[in-house]
Amino acid sequence: SEKKRKPAWTDRILWRVKSLCQHASKEGEFSEEEQTISVTLNNYISHMSYGISDHKPVTGTFGLELKPLLSDPLVTLNPVGEWSAARDVLINYSAVPEFPSSAWDWIGLFKVAFKHANDYVTYAWVEDDEISSHEDSKQVYMSAAEIPDTGGEFLLCYYSNNLQSIVGISQPFQV
């Protein structure tokens, strides 16, 4: 520019959320209520104490809400009976008919506060450790040797190799 200005702070934040409605088919796949991402500007501050430019830096704090695309889990898990390290335990599970299961799927035992799929305490392969299979449900065993002696509150999670994610989580239970 003519003023030969040094690069400066920006004094505004421009932001927007791209609407799924813009990309939906003419039949209207997504309504406004069904948007999966919601962004809210919580805080916007101009930092007037900076004196090295005529533009003052600004910061913003945003709230981001990600709504689930699926409300029902692909796999439902239930621990059978009381769990302890003293005996083998059983897991009942059922999957929706269209679920793409794999021989590499597994069910993991996780502490309630786990943060990643690799945080399992132990796991059982759904095919190798299967002991019964019915039309609408299956049963898998987990060896007592793999159950932690320390006890505590745990979850069962079904990991899908095809989808590379956890697709079902049980209610918390005590070991």
C-alpha atoms as a PDB file:
ATOM      1  CA  SER A   1       0.000   0.000   0.000  1.00  0.00           C
ATOM      2  CA  GLU A   2       1.016   3.650  -0.265  1.00  0.00           C
ATOM      3  CA  LYS A   3       1.489   3.954   3.492  1.00  0.00           C
ATOM      4  CA  LYS A   4       4.116   1.161   3.458  1.00  0.00           C
ATOM      5  CA  ARG A   5       2.511  -0.244   6.585  1.00  0.00           C
ATOM      6  CA  LYS A   6       3.914  -3.139   8.510  1.00  0.00           C
ATOM      7  CA  PRO A   7       1.688  -6.194   8.820  1.00  0.00           C
ATOM      8  CA  ALA A   8      -0.765  -5.617  11.634  1.00  0.00           C
ATOM      9  CA  TRP A   9      -3.181  -7.451  13.863  1.00  0.00           C
ATOM     10  CA  THR A  10      -6.599  -8.079  12.490  1.00  0.00           C
ATOM     11  CA  ASP A  11      -9.369  -6.243  14.295  1.00  0.00           C
ATOM     12  CA  ARG A  12     -12.226  -8.599  13.526  1.00  0.00           C
ATOM     13  CA  ILE A  13     -13.097 -12.288  13.418  1.00  0.00           C
ATOM     14  CA  LEU A  14     -15.031 -13.533  10.428  1.00  0.00           C
ATOM     15  CA  TRP A  15     -16.734 -16.898  10.885  1.00  0.00           C
ATOM     16  CA  ARG A  16     -19.663 -18.952   9.696  1.00  0.00           C
ATOM     17  CA  VAL A  17     -21.023 -22.472   9.776  1.00  0.00           C
ATOM     18  CA  LYS A  18     -21.623 -24.027   6.391  1.00  0.00           C
ATOM     19  CA  SER A  19     -25.210 -25.230   6.376  1.00  0.00           C
ATOM     20  CA  LEU A  20     -26.028 -28.787   5.364  1.00  0.00           C
ATOM     21  CA  CYS A  21     -29.271 -27.388   3.966  1.00  0.00           C
ATOM     22  CA  GLN A  22     -27.322 -25.713   1.145  1.00  0.00           C
ATOM     23  CA  HIS A  23     -26.057 -29.114  -0.007  1.00  0.00           C
ATOM     24  CA  ALA A  24     -29.156 -31.212   0.606  1.00  0.00           C
ATOM     25  CA  SER A  25     -31.194 -32.448  -2.300  1.00  0.00           C
ATOM     26  CA  LYS A  26     -34.325 -30.619  -3.429  1.00  0.00           C
ATOM     27  CA  GLU A  27     -36.421 -32.977  -1.301  1.00  0.00           C
ATOM     28  CA  GLY A  28     -34.840 -31.339   1.765  1.00  0.00           C
ATOM     29  CA  GLU A  29     -32.701 -33.964   3.505  1.00  0.00           C
ATOM     30  CA  PHE A  30     -31.833 -31.751   6.505  1.00  0.00           C
ATOM     31  CA  SER A  31     -34.025 -29.217   8.271  1.00  0.00           C
ATOM     32  CA  GLU A  32     -32.552 -26.407  10.391  1.00  0.00           C
ATOM     33  CA  GLU A  33     -33.227 -28.482  13.533  1.00  0.00           C
ATOM     34  CA  GLU A  34     -31.231 -31.401  12.126  1.00  0.00           C
ATOM     35  CA  GLN A  35     -27.969 -29.497  11.655  1.00  0.00           C
ATOM     36  CA  THR A  36     -25.112 -31.564  13.072  1.00  0.00           C
ATOM     37  CA  ILE A  37     -22.874 -28.608  14.026  1.00  0.00           C
ATOM     38  CA  SER A  38     -23.815 -25.633  16.149  1.00  0.00           C
ATOM     39  CA  VAL A  39     -21.377 -22.771  16.860  1.00  0.00           C
ATOM     40  CA  THR A  40     -21.969 -20.010  19.396  1.00  0.00           C
ATOM     41  CA  LEU A  41     -19.742 -16.978  19.972  1.00  0.00           C
ATOM     42  CA  ASN A  42     -19.361 -16.831  23.760  1.00  0.00           C
ATOM     43  CA  ASN A  43     -16.822 -14.039  24.116  1.00  0.00           C
ATOM     44  CA  TYR A  44     -15.319 -11.331  21.861  1.00  0.00           C
ATOM     45  CA  ILE A  45     -12.552  -9.091  23.241  1.00  0.00           C
ATOM     46  CA  SER A  46     -10.542  -6.245  21.709  1.00  0.00           C
ATOM     47  CA  HIS A  47      -7.082  -5.981  23.296  1.00  0.00           C
ATOM     48  CA  MET A  48      -6.570  -2.219  23.405  1.00  0.00           C
ATOM     49  CA  SER A  49      -3.326  -2.440  25.413  1.00  0.00           C
ATOM     50  CA  TYR A  50      -1.321  -3.414  22.316  1.00  0.00           C
ATOM     51  CA  GLY A  51       0.301  -0.253  20.983  1.00  0.00           C
ATOM     52  CA  ILE A  52       2.442  -1.419  18.055  1.00  0.00           C
ATOM     53  CA  SER A  53      -0.259  -0.933  15.440  1.00  0.00           C
ATOM     54  CA  ASP A  54      -3.361   1.113  14.779  1.00  0.00           C
ATOM     55  CA  HIS A  55      -5.236  -2.203  14.530  1.00  0.00           C
ATOM     56  CA  LYS A  56      -5.890  -3.860  17.871  1.00  0.00           C
ATOM     57  CA  PRO A  57      -5.918  -7.662  18.134  1.00  0.00           C
ATOM     58  CA  VAL A  58      -9.149  -9.409  19.013  1.00  0.00           C
ATOM     59  CA  THR A  59      -9.878 -12.827  20.421  1.00  0.00           C
ATOM     60  CA  GLY A  60     -13.026 -14.855  20.483  1.00  0.00           C
ATOM     61  CA  THR A  61     -14.159 -17.879  22.429  1.00  0.00           C
ATOM     62  CA  PHE A  62     -16.608 -20.156  20.668  1.00  0.00           C
ATOM     63  CA  GLY A  63     -18.808 -22.983  21.867  1.00  0.00           C
ATOM     64  CA  LEU A  64     -18.986 -25.922  19.460  1.00  0.00           C
ATOM     65  CA  GLU A  65     -21.735 -28.541  19.711  1.00  0.00           C
ATOM     66  CA  LEU A  66     -21.530 -31.653  17.552  1.00  0.00           C
ATOM     67  CA  LYS A  67     -24.800 -33.530  17.380  1.00  0.00           C
ATOM     68  CA  PRO A  68     -24.689 -37.264  16.664  1.00  0.00           C
ATOM     69  CA  LEU A  69     -25.674 -38.386  13.181  1.00  0.00           C
ATOM     70  CA  LEU A  70     -27.113 -41.620  14.571  1.00  0.00           C
ATOM     71  CA  SER A  71     -29.202 -41.699  17.705  1.00  0.00           C
ATOM     72  CA  ASP A  72     -29.427 -45.489  18.002  1.00  0.00           C
ATOM     73  CA  PRO A  73     -26.235 -47.543  18.387  1.00  0.00           C
ATOM     74  CA  LEU A  74     -25.330 -50.068  15.702  1.00  0.00           C
ATOM     75  CA  VAL A  75     -24.493 -52.600  18.434  1.00  0.00           C
ATOM     76  CA  THR A  76     -26.111 -53.033  21.862  1.00  0.00           C
ATOM     77  CA  LEU A  77     -23.976 -54.634  24.607  1.00  0.00           C
ATOM     78  CA  ASN A  78     -24.962 -56.172  27.952  1.00  0.00           C
ATOM     79  CA  PRO A  79     -22.648 -57.750  30.528  1.00  0.00           C
ATOM     80  CA  VAL A  80     -24.186 -60.976  31.866  1.00  0.00           C
ATOM     81  CA  GLY A  81     -24.458 -61.405  35.652  1.00  0.00           C
ATOM     82  CA  GLU A  82     -21.948 -60.155  38.208  1.00  0.00           C
ATOM     83  CA  TRP A  83     -18.411 -59.623  36.984  1.00  0.00           C
ATOM     84  CA  SER A  84     -15.297 -60.484  38.977  1.00  0.00           C
ATOM     85  CA  ALA A  85     -11.781 -61.727  38.354  1.00  0.00           C
ATOM     86  CA  ALA A  86     -12.759 -65.006  40.049  1.00  0.00           C
ATOM     87  CA  ARG A  87     -14.602 -66.476  37.034  1.00  0.00           C
ATOM     88  CA  ASP A  88     -15.080 -66.228  33.283  1.00  0.00           C
ATOM     89  CA  VAL A  89     -17.724 -63.720  32.230  1.00  0.00           C
ATOM     90  CA  LEU A  90     -20.214 -63.456  29.380  1.00  0.00           C
ATOM     91  CA  ILE A  91     -21.232 -60.597  27.104  1.00  0.00           C
ATOM     92  CA  ASN A  92     -24.514 -60.503  25.174  1.00  0.00           C
ATOM     93  CA  TYR A  93     -24.665 -58.263  22.131  1.00  0.00           C
ATOM     94  CA  SER A  94     -26.916 -57.610  19.177  1.00  0.00           C
ATOM     95  CA  ALA A  95     -26.372 -55.597  16.016  1.00  0.00           C
ATOM     96  CA  VAL A  96     -28.754 -53.902  13.623  1.00  0.00           C
ATOM     97  CA  PRO A  97     -29.326 -56.032  10.482  1.00  0.00           C
ATOM     98  CA  GLU A  98     -27.384 -53.721   8.152  1.00  0.00           C
ATOM     99  CA  PHE A  99     -24.282 -53.594  10.395  1.00  0.00           C
ATOM    100  CA  PRO A 100     -21.128 -54.601   8.423  1.00  0.00           C
ATOM    101  CA  SER A 101     -19.432 -56.895  10.965  1.00  0.00           C
ATOM    102  CA  SER A 102     -15.952 -58.328  10.463  1.00  0.00           C
ATOM    103  CA  ALA A 103     -13.843 -61.166  11.865  1.00  0.00           C
ATOM    104  CA  TRP A 104     -11.533 -58.422  13.172  1.00  0.00           C
ATOM    105  CA  ASP A 105     -14.209 -56.759  15.358  1.00  0.00           C
ATOM    106  CA  TRP A 106     -13.681 -56.910  19.113  1.00  0.00           C
ATOM    107  CA  ILE A 107     -15.400 -56.040  22.378  1.00  0.00           C
ATOM    108  CA  GLY A 108     -13.233 -54.180  24.863  1.00  0.00           C
ATOM    109  CA  LEU A 109     -13.499 -53.730  28.607  1.00  0.00           C
ATOM    110  CA  PHE A 110     -12.824 -50.060  29.420  1.00  0.00           C
ATOM    111  CA  LYS A 111     -12.651 -47.988  32.589  1.00  0.00           C
ATOM    112  CA  VAL A 112     -15.552 -45.511  32.579  1.00  0.00           C
ATOM    113  CA  ALA A 113     -13.260 -42.490  32.037  1.00  0.00           C
ATOM    114  CA  PHE A 114     -11.512 -43.850  28.911  1.00  0.00           C
ATOM    115  CA  LYS A 115     -10.508 -41.343  26.222  1.00  0.00           C
ATOM    116  CA  HIS A 116      -9.471 -43.476  23.239  1.00  0.00           C
ATOM    117  CA  ALA A 117     -10.295 -46.841  21.688  1.00  0.00           C
ATOM    118  CA  ASN A 118      -6.777 -48.025  22.607  1.00  0.00           C
ATOM    119  CA  ASP A 119      -7.443 -47.452  26.335  1.00  0.00           C
ATOM    120  CA  TYR A 120      -9.017 -50.908  26.794  1.00  0.00           C
ATOM    121  CA  VAL A 121      -8.153 -53.035  29.837  1.00  0.00           C
ATOM    122  CA  THR A 122      -8.745 -56.249  27.886  1.00  0.00           C
ATOM    123  CA  TYR A 123     -10.762 -57.390  24.877  1.00  0.00           C
ATOM    124  CA  ALA A 124     -12.419 -60.394  23.253  1.00  0.00           C
ATOM    125  CA  TRP A 125     -12.659 -61.101  19.526  1.00  0.00           C
ATOM    126  CA  VAL A 126     -16.314 -61.309  18.525  1.00  0.00           C
ATOM    127  CA  GLU A 127     -15.782 -64.348  16.270  1.00  0.00           C
ATOM    128  CA  ASP A 128     -13.021 -66.286  18.045  1.00  0.00           C
ATOM    129  CA  ASP A 129     -14.567 -65.927  21.507  1.00  0.00           C
ATOM    130  CA  GLU A 130     -18.201 -66.418  20.450  1.00  0.00           C
ATOM    131  CA  ILE A 131     -19.981 -69.176  22.363  1.00  0.00           C
ATOM    132  CA  SER A 132     -23.530 -68.837  21.040  1.00  0.00           C
ATOM    133  CA  SER A 133     -25.330 -67.156  18.195  1.00  0.00           C
ATOM    134  CA  HIS A 134     -29.050 -66.669  17.695  1.00  0.00           C
ATOM    135  CA  GLU A 135     -30.967 -64.780  15.046  1.00  0.00           C
ATOM    136  CA  ASP A 136     -31.041 -61.529  16.998  1.00  0.00           C
ATOM    137  CA  SER A 137     -28.210 -61.846  19.552  1.00  0.00           C
ATOM    138  CA  LYS A 138     -24.782 -63.357  20.159  1.00  0.00           C
ATOM    139  CA  GLN A 139     -22.764 -64.247  23.221  1.00  0.00           C
ATOM    140  CA  VAL A 140     -19.014 -63.882  23.752  1.00  0.00           C
ATOM    141  CA  TYR A 141     -16.906 -64.974  26.728  1.00  0.00           C
ATOM    142  CA  MET A 142     -14.013 -63.222  28.413  1.00  0.00           C
ATOM    143  CA  SER A 143     -11.551 -65.214  30.525  1.00  0.00           C
ATOM    144  CA  ALA A 144     -11.314 -64.510  34.271  1.00  0.00           C
ATOM    145  CA  ALA A 145      -7.538 -64.174  33.859  1.00  0.00           C
ATOM    146  CA  GLU A 146      -8.144 -61.034  31.764  1.00  0.00           C
ATOM    147  CA  ILE A 147     -10.502 -59.303  34.239  1.00  0.00           C
ATOM    148  CA  PRO A 148      -8.713 -56.791  36.518  1.00  0.00           C
ATOM    149  CA  ASP A 149      -8.432 -57.743  40.215  1.00  0.00           C
ATOM    150  CA  THR A 150      -8.713 -54.111  41.270  1.00  0.00           C
ATOM    151  CA  GLY A 151     -12.395 -53.826  40.322  1.00  0.00           C
ATOM    152  CA  GLY A 152     -14.149 -50.537  39.681  1.00  0.00           C
ATOM    153  CA  GLU A 153     -16.675 -49.143  37.237  1.00  0.00           C
ATOM    154  CA  PHE A 154     -16.327 -50.298  33.628  1.00  0.00           C
ATOM    155  CA  LEU A 155     -17.949 -50.195  30.186  1.00  0.00           C
ATOM    156  CA  LEU A 156     -18.038 -52.637  27.306  1.00  0.00           C
ATOM    157  CA  CYS A 157     -17.394 -51.153  23.859  1.00  0.00           C
ATOM    158  CA  TYR A 158     -17.805 -52.829  20.471  1.00  0.00           C
ATOM    159  CA  TYR A 159     -15.038 -51.802  18.041  1.00  0.00           C
ATOM    160  CA  SER A 160     -15.800 -52.198  14.330  1.00  0.00           C
ATOM    161  CA  ASN A 161     -12.769 -52.850  12.137  1.00  0.00           C
ATOM    162  CA  ASN A 162     -14.704 -51.910   8.976  1.00  0.00           C
ATOM    163  CA  LEU A 163     -15.853 -48.558  10.403  1.00  0.00           C
ATOM    164  CA  GLN A 164     -12.634 -48.008  12.412  1.00  0.00           C
ATOM    165  CA  SER A 165     -14.583 -46.787  15.442  1.00  0.00           C
ATOM    166  CA  ILE A 166     -16.554 -47.754  18.510  1.00  0.00           C
ATOM    167  CA  VAL A 167     -20.143 -48.459  17.428  1.00  0.00           C
ATOM    168  CA  GLY A 168     -21.701 -49.588  20.705  1.00  0.00           C
ATOM    169  CA  ILE A 169     -21.193 -48.831  24.408  1.00  0.00           C
ATOM    170  CA  SER A 170     -22.815 -50.620  27.356  1.00  0.00           C
ATOM    171  CA  GLN A 171     -24.186 -48.992  30.473  1.00  0.00           C
ATOM    172  CA  PRO A 172     -21.560 -48.676  33.257  1.00  0.00           C
ATOM    173  CA  PHE A 173     -21.250 -51.711  35.560  1.00  0.00           C
ATOM    174  CA  GLN A 174     -19.145 -52.833  38.531  1.00  0.00           C
ATOM    175  CA  VAL A 175     -16.374 -55.431  38.426  1.00  0.00           C
END
